[in-house]
Amino acid sequence: MVTHDPGLASQADRMLLLRDGTVAASDIRSAWGLERGWG
């Protein structure tokens, strides 16, 4: 899934950060602190 919606993103177990059309970072949710949700 591709989204800018934090609620939807919080359901994923992995996140990719894209910058200028390339993958700038790739990590699991827990490394981003998202297990608690955004906001």
N, C-alpha and C. Protein backbone atom coordinates (compact mmCIF):
# COMPACT_ATOMS: atom_id res chain seq x y z
N MET A 1 0.85 -1.17 0.00
CA MET A 1 0.00 0.00 0.00
C MET A 1 0.89 1.23 0.00
N VAL A 2 0.46 2.26 -0.66
CA VAL A 2 1.12 3.57 -0.63
C VAL A 2 0.14 4.55 -0.02
N THR A 3 0.58 5.26 1.01
CA THR A 3 -0.35 6.17 1.69
C THR A 3 0.40 7.32 2.36
N HIS A 4 -0.32 8.38 2.53
CA HIS A 4 0.14 9.50 3.36
C HIS A 4 -0.69 9.57 4.64
N ASP A 5 -1.59 8.62 4.80
CA ASP A 5 -2.50 8.58 5.94
C ASP A 5 -1.84 7.83 7.10
N PRO A 6 -1.54 8.52 8.20
CA PRO A 6 -0.90 7.87 9.34
C PRO A 6 -1.71 6.71 9.91
N GLY A 7 -3.04 6.80 9.87
CA GLY A 7 -3.87 5.72 10.38
C GLY A 7 -3.69 4.44 9.59
N LEU A 8 -3.65 4.56 8.28
CA LEU A 8 -3.41 3.39 7.44
C LEU A 8 -1.98 2.89 7.58
N ALA A 9 -1.03 3.81 7.62
CA ALA A 9 0.37 3.42 7.74
C ALA A 9 0.63 2.67 9.04
N SER A 10 -0.10 3.01 10.09
CA SER A 10 0.12 2.35 11.38
C SER A 10 -0.28 0.88 11.36
N GLN A 11 -1.02 0.45 10.34
CA GLN A 11 -1.41 -0.95 10.22
C GLN A 11 -0.35 -1.79 9.53
N ALA A 12 0.62 -1.15 8.91
CA ALA A 12 1.68 -1.87 8.21
C ALA A 12 2.76 -2.30 9.19
N ASP A 13 3.48 -3.36 8.84
CA ASP A 13 4.57 -3.81 9.71
C ASP A 13 5.92 -3.33 9.22
N ARG A 14 5.94 -2.62 8.10
CA ARG A 14 7.19 -2.10 7.55
C ARG A 14 6.91 -0.79 6.83
N MET A 15 7.89 0.11 6.87
CA MET A 15 7.74 1.39 6.18
C MET A 15 8.94 1.63 5.28
N LEU A 16 8.67 2.20 4.12
CA LEU A 16 9.71 2.64 3.21
C LEU A 16 9.58 4.14 3.06
N LEU A 17 10.66 4.85 3.19
CA LEU A 17 10.67 6.29 2.98
C LEU A 17 11.22 6.54 1.59
N LEU A 18 10.40 7.15 0.73
CA LEU A 18 10.83 7.45 -0.63
C LEU A 18 11.21 8.92 -0.73
N ARG A 19 12.31 9.17 -1.40
CA ARG A 19 12.76 10.54 -1.63
C ARG A 19 13.24 10.64 -3.07
N ASP A 20 12.67 11.55 -3.82
CA ASP A 20 13.02 11.75 -5.22
C ASP A 20 12.92 10.46 -6.02
N GLY A 21 11.91 9.65 -5.72
CA GLY A 21 11.65 8.43 -6.48
C GLY A 21 12.51 7.24 -6.13
N THR A 22 13.35 7.34 -5.12
CA THR A 22 14.16 6.21 -4.70
C THR A 22 13.94 5.95 -3.21
N VAL A 23 14.23 4.73 -2.79
CA VAL A 23 14.07 4.36 -1.39
C VAL A 23 15.19 5.02 -0.59
N ALA A 24 14.82 5.92 0.30
CA ALA A 24 15.78 6.62 1.14
C ALA A 24 16.01 5.89 2.46
N ALA A 25 15.00 5.14 2.91
CA ALA A 25 15.13 4.39 4.16
C ALA A 25 14.10 3.26 4.15
N SER A 26 14.43 2.20 4.85
CA SER A 26 13.53 1.05 4.97
C SER A 26 13.71 0.51 6.38
N ASP A 27 12.59 0.34 7.07
CA ASP A 27 12.70 -0.15 8.44
C ASP A 27 11.39 -0.76 8.89
N ILE A 28 11.45 -1.49 10.00
CA ILE A 28 10.24 -2.04 10.58
C ILE A 28 9.58 -0.98 11.45
N ARG A 29 8.30 -1.11 11.69
CA ARG A 29 7.54 -0.11 12.46
C ARG A 29 8.15 0.20 13.81
N SER A 30 8.58 -0.82 14.53
CA SER A 30 9.06 -0.58 15.89
C SER A 30 10.27 0.35 15.92
N ALA A 31 11.06 0.36 14.87
CA ALA A 31 12.21 1.25 14.82
C ALA A 31 11.79 2.70 14.65
N TRP A 32 10.57 2.93 14.13
CA TRP A 32 10.05 4.29 13.93
C TRP A 32 9.20 4.72 15.12
N GLY A 33 8.98 3.84 16.09
CA GLY A 33 8.14 4.18 17.23
C GLY A 33 6.67 4.17 16.88
N LEU A 34 6.29 3.46 15.82
CA LEU A 34 4.90 3.49 15.36
C LEU A 34 4.01 2.47 16.03
N GLU A 35 4.58 1.61 16.86
CA GLU A 35 3.72 0.64 17.53
C GLU A 35 2.72 1.33 18.44
N ARG A 36 2.98 2.59 18.78
CA ARG A 36 2.05 3.36 19.61
C ARG A 36 1.15 4.24 18.75
N GLY A 37 1.40 4.29 17.46
CA GLY A 37 0.62 5.13 16.57
C GLY A 37 1.25 6.50 16.40
N TRP A 38 0.76 7.26 15.45
CA TRP A 38 1.28 8.60 15.17
C TRP A 38 0.45 9.63 15.90
N GLY A 39 1.06 10.78 16.15
CA GLY A 39 0.31 11.89 16.70
C GLY A 39 0.51 12.00 18.14
